[in-house]
């Protein structure tokens, strides 16, 4: 096959002849191959984004755990011996979840106390400094539901929460 180029004028001539048909077939094959490469790259990019989200959530959880441990533990020196003391002795009664989650629940309560109205799960995630992503959103959603079940929050609608209203009886 001889070279056919846009500047050569061969492509601009009549659509009759073997050159145009073979050029169109060649372009279609190259387009199909490029589409396959795009889809493969998109798949790899989505997988990388999922791994990034998971790593960000893991990092956030580790930061929260470190801060919680730092807040809830104190090192004291008694008689020349270093003693690790745990403040509060563990989770408070009436608070479900692990002791490490207590700091998260406290931060969530602070966010709602500062809010002017109901908040969506994603807004709470932003307030906690969590990366956008499904893992963080679902983790916070479960904590908000737990707080709603415990009477700390009211669930206005699916995904929308506010501080629980107190009823005087």
C-alpha atoms as a PDB file:
ATOM      1  CA  UNK A   1       0.000   0.000   0.000  1.00  0.00           C
ATOM      2  CA  UNK A   2       1.428   3.369  -0.907  1.00  0.00           C
ATOM      3  CA  UNK A   3       1.421   6.215   1.625  1.00  0.00           C
ATOM      4  CA  UNK A   4      -1.761   8.228   1.747  1.00  0.00           C
ATOM      5  CA  UNK A   5      -1.755  11.475   3.632  1.00  0.00           C
ATOM      6  CA  UNK A   6      -4.128  14.313   4.186  1.00  0.00           C
ATOM      7  CA  UNK A   7      -1.734  16.766   2.576  1.00  0.00           C
ATOM      8  CA  UNK A   8      -1.157  14.502  -0.432  1.00  0.00           C
ATOM      9  CA  UNK A   9      -4.637  15.072  -1.741  1.00  0.00           C
ATOM     10  CA  UNK A  10      -5.338  11.355  -2.254  1.00  0.00           C
ATOM     11  CA  UNK A  11      -7.849  11.303   0.582  1.00  0.00           C
ATOM     12  CA  UNK A  12      -9.687  14.323  -0.799  1.00  0.00           C
ATOM     13  CA  UNK A  13     -10.331  12.719  -4.159  1.00  0.00           C
ATOM     14  CA  UNK A  14     -13.316  10.579  -5.029  1.00  0.00           C
ATOM     15  CA  UNK A  15     -14.276   7.911  -2.490  1.00  0.00           C
ATOM     16  CA  UNK A  16     -13.858   5.308  -5.222  1.00  0.00           C
ATOM     17  CA  UNK A  17     -10.767   3.202  -5.236  1.00  0.00           C
ATOM     18  CA  UNK A  18      -8.926   0.800  -2.971  1.00  0.00           C
ATOM     19  CA  UNK A  19      -6.862   3.483  -1.192  1.00  0.00           C
ATOM     20  CA  UNK A  20      -9.820   5.117   0.590  1.00  0.00           C
ATOM     21  CA  UNK A  21     -11.375   1.808   1.663  1.00  0.00           C
ATOM     22  CA  UNK A  22      -8.105   0.501   3.026  1.00  0.00           C
ATOM     23  CA  UNK A  23      -7.385   3.810   4.802  1.00  0.00           C
ATOM     24  CA  UNK A  24     -10.828   3.735   6.431  1.00  0.00           C
ATOM     25  CA  UNK A  25     -10.285   0.126   7.524  1.00  0.00           C
ATOM     26  CA  UNK A  26      -6.879   1.033   8.913  1.00  0.00           C
ATOM     27  CA  UNK A  27      -8.354   3.995  10.812  1.00  0.00           C
ATOM     28  CA  UNK A  28     -11.167   1.825  12.186  1.00  0.00           C
ATOM     29  CA  UNK A  29      -8.668  -0.798  13.411  1.00  0.00           C
ATOM     30  CA  UNK A  30      -6.490   1.869  15.008  1.00  0.00           C
ATOM     31  CA  UNK A  31      -9.555   3.494  16.594  1.00  0.00           C
ATOM     32  CA  UNK A  32     -10.676   0.129  18.037  1.00  0.00           C
ATOM     33  CA  UNK A  33      -7.171  -0.507  19.404  1.00  0.00           C
ATOM     34  CA  UNK A  34      -7.067   2.985  20.928  1.00  0.00           C
ATOM     35  CA  UNK A  35     -10.480   2.390  22.527  1.00  0.00           C
ATOM     36  CA  UNK A  36      -9.188  -0.831  24.095  1.00  0.00           C
ATOM     37  CA  UNK A  37      -6.160   1.054  25.473  1.00  0.00           C
ATOM     38  CA  UNK A  38      -8.423   3.794  26.871  1.00  0.00           C
ATOM     39  CA  UNK A  39     -10.660   1.255  28.600  1.00  0.00           C
ATOM     40  CA  UNK A  40      -7.649  -0.579  30.058  1.00  0.00           C
ATOM     41  CA  UNK A  41      -6.189   2.706  31.300  1.00  0.00           C
ATOM     42  CA  UNK A  42      -9.567   3.697  32.774  1.00  0.00           C
ATOM     43  CA  UNK A  43      -9.797   0.343  34.596  1.00  0.00           C
ATOM     44  CA  UNK A  44      -6.283   0.798  36.010  1.00  0.00           C
ATOM     45  CA  UNK A  45      -7.060   4.389  37.023  1.00  0.00           C
ATOM     46  CA  UNK A  46     -10.257   3.362  38.827  1.00  0.00           C
ATOM     47  CA  UNK A  47      -8.409   0.569  40.619  1.00  0.00           C
ATOM     48  CA  UNK A  48      -5.684   3.043  41.614  1.00  0.00           C
ATOM     49  CA  UNK A  49      -8.326   5.500  42.841  1.00  0.00           C
ATOM     50  CA  UNK A  50      -9.906   2.754  44.959  1.00  0.00           C
ATOM     51  CA  UNK A  51      -6.504   1.863  46.417  1.00  0.00           C
ATOM     52  CA  UNK A  52      -5.874   5.564  47.111  1.00  0.00           C
ATOM     53  CA  UNK A  53      -9.248   5.899  48.870  1.00  0.00           C
ATOM     54  CA  UNK A  54      -8.524   2.828  50.987  1.00  0.00           C
ATOM     55  CA  UNK A  55      -5.049   4.135  51.886  1.00  0.00           C
ATOM     56  CA  UNK A  56      -6.499   7.551  52.821  1.00  0.00           C
ATOM     57  CA  UNK A  57      -9.109   5.943  55.061  1.00  0.00           C
ATOM     58  CA  UNK A  58      -6.439   3.771  56.657  1.00  0.00           C
ATOM     59  CA  UNK A  59      -4.267   6.836  57.241  1.00  0.00           C
ATOM     60  CA  UNK A  60      -7.199   8.739  58.722  1.00  0.00           C
ATOM     61  CA  UNK A  61      -8.044   5.824  61.017  1.00  0.00           C
ATOM     62  CA  UNK A  62      -4.426   5.594  62.160  1.00  0.00           C
ATOM     63  CA  UNK A  63      -4.286   9.326  62.873  1.00  0.00           C
ATOM     64  CA  UNK A  64      -7.530   9.101  64.845  1.00  0.00           C
ATOM     65  CA  UNK A  65      -6.236   6.055  66.733  1.00  0.00           C
ATOM     66  CA  UNK A  66      -2.947   7.781  67.550  1.00  0.00           C
ATOM     67  CA  UNK A  67      -4.707  10.928  68.750  1.00  0.00           C
ATOM     68  CA  UNK A  68      -7.166   8.892  70.796  1.00  0.00           C
ATOM     69  CA  UNK A  69      -4.410   6.896  72.442  1.00  0.00           C
ATOM     70  CA  UNK A  70      -2.447  10.073  73.111  1.00  0.00           C
ATOM     71  CA  UNK A  71      -5.520  11.719  74.675  1.00  0.00           C
ATOM     72  CA  UNK A  72      -6.607   8.707  76.702  1.00  0.00           C
ATOM     73  CA  UNK A  73      -3.251   7.628  78.039  1.00  0.00           C
ATOM     74  CA  UNK A  74      -0.799   9.327  80.282  1.00  0.00           C
ATOM     75  CA  UNK A  75       2.643   8.302  81.367  1.00  0.00           C
ATOM     76  CA  UNK A  76       3.264   8.759  85.042  1.00  0.00           C
ATOM     77  CA  UNK A  77       6.358   8.083  87.050  1.00  0.00           C
ATOM     78  CA  UNK A  78       5.734   6.354  90.369  1.00  0.00           C
ATOM     79  CA  UNK A  79       8.702   5.533  92.553  1.00  0.00           C
ATOM     80  CA  UNK A  80      11.085   5.744  89.602  1.00  0.00           C
ATOM     81  CA  UNK A  81       8.958   3.357  87.552  1.00  0.00           C
ATOM     82  CA  UNK A  82       7.071   4.449  84.424  1.00  0.00           C
ATOM     83  CA  UNK A  83       3.392   3.515  84.589  1.00  0.00           C
ATOM     84  CA  UNK A  84       0.902   3.722  81.728  1.00  0.00           C
ATOM     85  CA  UNK A  85      -2.438   4.966  83.001  1.00  0.00           C
ATOM     86  CA  UNK A  86      -5.584   4.814  80.915  1.00  0.00           C
ATOM     87  CA  UNK A  87      -7.882   7.751  81.514  1.00  0.00           C
ATOM     88  CA  UNK A  88     -11.467   6.782  82.154  1.00  0.00           C
ATOM     89  CA  UNK A  89     -10.770   3.056  82.200  1.00  0.00           C
ATOM     90  CA  UNK A  90     -12.297   2.384  78.764  1.00  0.00           C
ATOM     91  CA  UNK A  91     -15.504   3.213  76.938  1.00  0.00           C
ATOM     92  CA  UNK A  92     -18.148   5.204  78.761  1.00  0.00           C
ATOM     93  CA  UNK A  93     -21.394   3.467  79.616  1.00  0.00           C
ATOM     94  CA  UNK A  94     -24.035   4.119  76.971  1.00  0.00           C
ATOM     95  CA  UNK A  95     -21.488   4.663  74.198  1.00  0.00           C
ATOM     96  CA  UNK A  96     -21.302   1.815  71.768  1.00  0.00           C
ATOM     97  CA  UNK A  97     -18.202   1.019  69.756  1.00  0.00           C
ATOM     98  CA  UNK A  98     -14.584   0.579  70.608  1.00  0.00           C
ATOM     99  CA  UNK A  99     -12.754   2.965  72.908  1.00  0.00           C
ATOM    100  CA  UNK A 100     -10.854   4.356  69.912  1.00  0.00           C
ATOM    101  CA  UNK A 101     -14.166   5.414  68.353  1.00  0.00           C
ATOM    102  CA  UNK A 102     -15.042   7.547  71.374  1.00  0.00           C
ATOM    103  CA  UNK A 103     -12.876  10.408  70.084  1.00  0.00           C
ATOM    104  CA  UNK A 104     -14.578  10.171  66.690  1.00  0.00           C
ATOM    105  CA  UNK A 105     -18.017  10.297  68.331  1.00  0.00           C
ATOM    106  CA  UNK A 106     -16.888  13.309  70.331  1.00  0.00           C
ATOM    107  CA  UNK A 107     -15.687  15.070  67.178  1.00  0.00           C
ATOM    108  CA  UNK A 108     -18.968  14.240  65.418  1.00  0.00           C
ATOM    109  CA  UNK A 109     -20.908  15.757  68.326  1.00  0.00           C
ATOM    110  CA  UNK A 110     -18.767  18.903  68.096  1.00  0.00           C
ATOM    111  CA  UNK A 111     -19.521  19.178  64.383  1.00  0.00           C
ATOM    112  CA  UNK A 112     -23.271  18.938  65.013  1.00  0.00           C
ATOM    113  CA  UNK A 113     -23.083  21.414  67.911  1.00  0.00           C
ATOM    114  CA  UNK A 114     -21.470  23.984  65.596  1.00  0.00           C
ATOM    115  CA  UNK A 115     -23.888  23.313  62.709  1.00  0.00           C
ATOM    116  CA  UNK A 116     -26.815  25.616  62.053  1.00  0.00           C
ATOM    117  CA  UNK A 117     -29.055  22.757  60.932  1.00  0.00           C
ATOM    118  CA  UNK A 118     -29.138  19.166  59.726  1.00  0.00           C
ATOM    119  CA  UNK A 119     -26.012  17.749  58.095  1.00  0.00           C
ATOM    120  CA  UNK A 120     -25.461  15.208  55.348  1.00  0.00           C
ATOM    121  CA  UNK A 121     -23.018  12.351  55.852  1.00  0.00           C
ATOM    122  CA  UNK A 122     -20.544  13.887  53.377  1.00  0.00           C
ATOM    123  CA  UNK A 123     -20.594  17.179  55.306  1.00  0.00           C
ATOM    124  CA  UNK A 124     -19.696  15.310  58.494  1.00  0.00           C
ATOM    125  CA  UNK A 125     -16.881  13.522  56.625  1.00  0.00           C
ATOM    126  CA  UNK A 126     -15.542  16.901  55.513  1.00  0.00           C
ATOM    127  CA  UNK A 127     -15.791  18.199  59.074  1.00  0.00           C
ATOM    128  CA  UNK A 128     -13.799  15.199  60.282  1.00  0.00           C
ATOM    129  CA  UNK A 129     -11.181  15.836  57.607  1.00  0.00           C
ATOM    130  CA  UNK A 130     -11.752  12.489  55.945  1.00  0.00           C
ATOM    131  CA  UNK A 131     -11.021  12.045  52.240  1.00  0.00           C
ATOM    132  CA  UNK A 132     -13.979  11.852  49.905  1.00  0.00           C
ATOM    133  CA  UNK A 133     -14.787   8.270  49.088  1.00  0.00           C
ATOM    134  CA  UNK A 134     -17.168   5.452  49.706  1.00  0.00           C
ATOM    135  CA  UNK A 135     -15.193   3.848  52.540  1.00  0.00           C
ATOM    136  CA  UNK A 136     -15.109   6.991  54.660  1.00  0.00           C
ATOM    137  CA  UNK A 137     -18.733   7.850  53.877  1.00  0.00           C
ATOM    138  CA  UNK A 138     -20.021   4.402  54.854  1.00  0.00           C
ATOM    139  CA  UNK A 139     -17.925   4.368  58.027  1.00  0.00           C
ATOM    140  CA  UNK A 140     -19.292   7.745  59.133  1.00  0.00           C
ATOM    141  CA  UNK A 141     -22.830   6.800  58.057  1.00  0.00           C
ATOM    142  CA  UNK A 142     -22.740   3.774  60.380  1.00  0.00           C
ATOM    143  CA  UNK A 143     -21.508   5.937  63.259  1.00  0.00           C
ATOM    144  CA  UNK A 144     -24.269   8.500  62.640  1.00  0.00           C
ATOM    145  CA  UNK A 145     -26.887   5.738  62.602  1.00  0.00           C
ATOM    146  CA  UNK A 146     -25.448   4.394  65.840  1.00  0.00           C
ATOM    147  CA  UNK A 147     -25.692   7.852  67.411  1.00  0.00           C
ATOM    148  CA  UNK A 148     -29.271   8.139  66.145  1.00  0.00           C
ATOM    149  CA  UNK A 149     -30.097   4.736  67.661  1.00  0.00           C
ATOM    150  CA  UNK A 150     -28.558   5.920  70.947  1.00  0.00           C
ATOM    151  CA  UNK A 151     -30.708   9.077  70.897  1.00  0.00           C
ATOM    152  CA  UNK A 152     -27.843  11.536  70.392  1.00  0.00           C
ATOM    153  CA  UNK A 153     -28.919  12.397  66.834  1.00  0.00           C
ATOM    154  CA  UNK A 154     -32.214  12.415  64.975  1.00  0.00           C
ATOM    155  CA  UNK A 155     -32.416  11.002  61.484  1.00  0.00           C
ATOM    156  CA  UNK A 156     -34.310  13.595  59.426  1.00  0.00           C
ATOM    157  CA  UNK A 157     -34.217  11.508  56.265  1.00  0.00           C
ATOM    158  CA  UNK A 158     -31.862   8.989  54.708  1.00  0.00           C
ATOM    159  CA  UNK A 159     -28.364  10.444  54.991  1.00  0.00           C
ATOM    160  CA  UNK A 160     -29.500  13.622  56.806  1.00  0.00           C
ATOM    161  CA  UNK A 161     -29.001  13.931  60.570  1.00  0.00           C
ATOM    162  CA  UNK A 162     -29.456  16.599  63.242  1.00  0.00           C
ATOM    163  CA  UNK A 163     -28.931  16.821  66.997  1.00  0.00           C
ATOM    164  CA  UNK A 164     -31.654  15.015  68.891  1.00  0.00           C
ATOM    165  CA  UNK A 165     -34.444  17.221  70.071  1.00  0.00           C
ATOM    166  CA  UNK A 166     -35.080  17.025  73.791  1.00  0.00           C
ATOM    167  CA  UNK A 167     -38.685  16.530  74.818  1.00  0.00           C
ATOM    168  CA  UNK A 168     -39.669  17.857  78.246  1.00  0.00           C
ATOM    169  CA  UNK A 169     -42.221  15.622  79.950  1.00  0.00           C
END
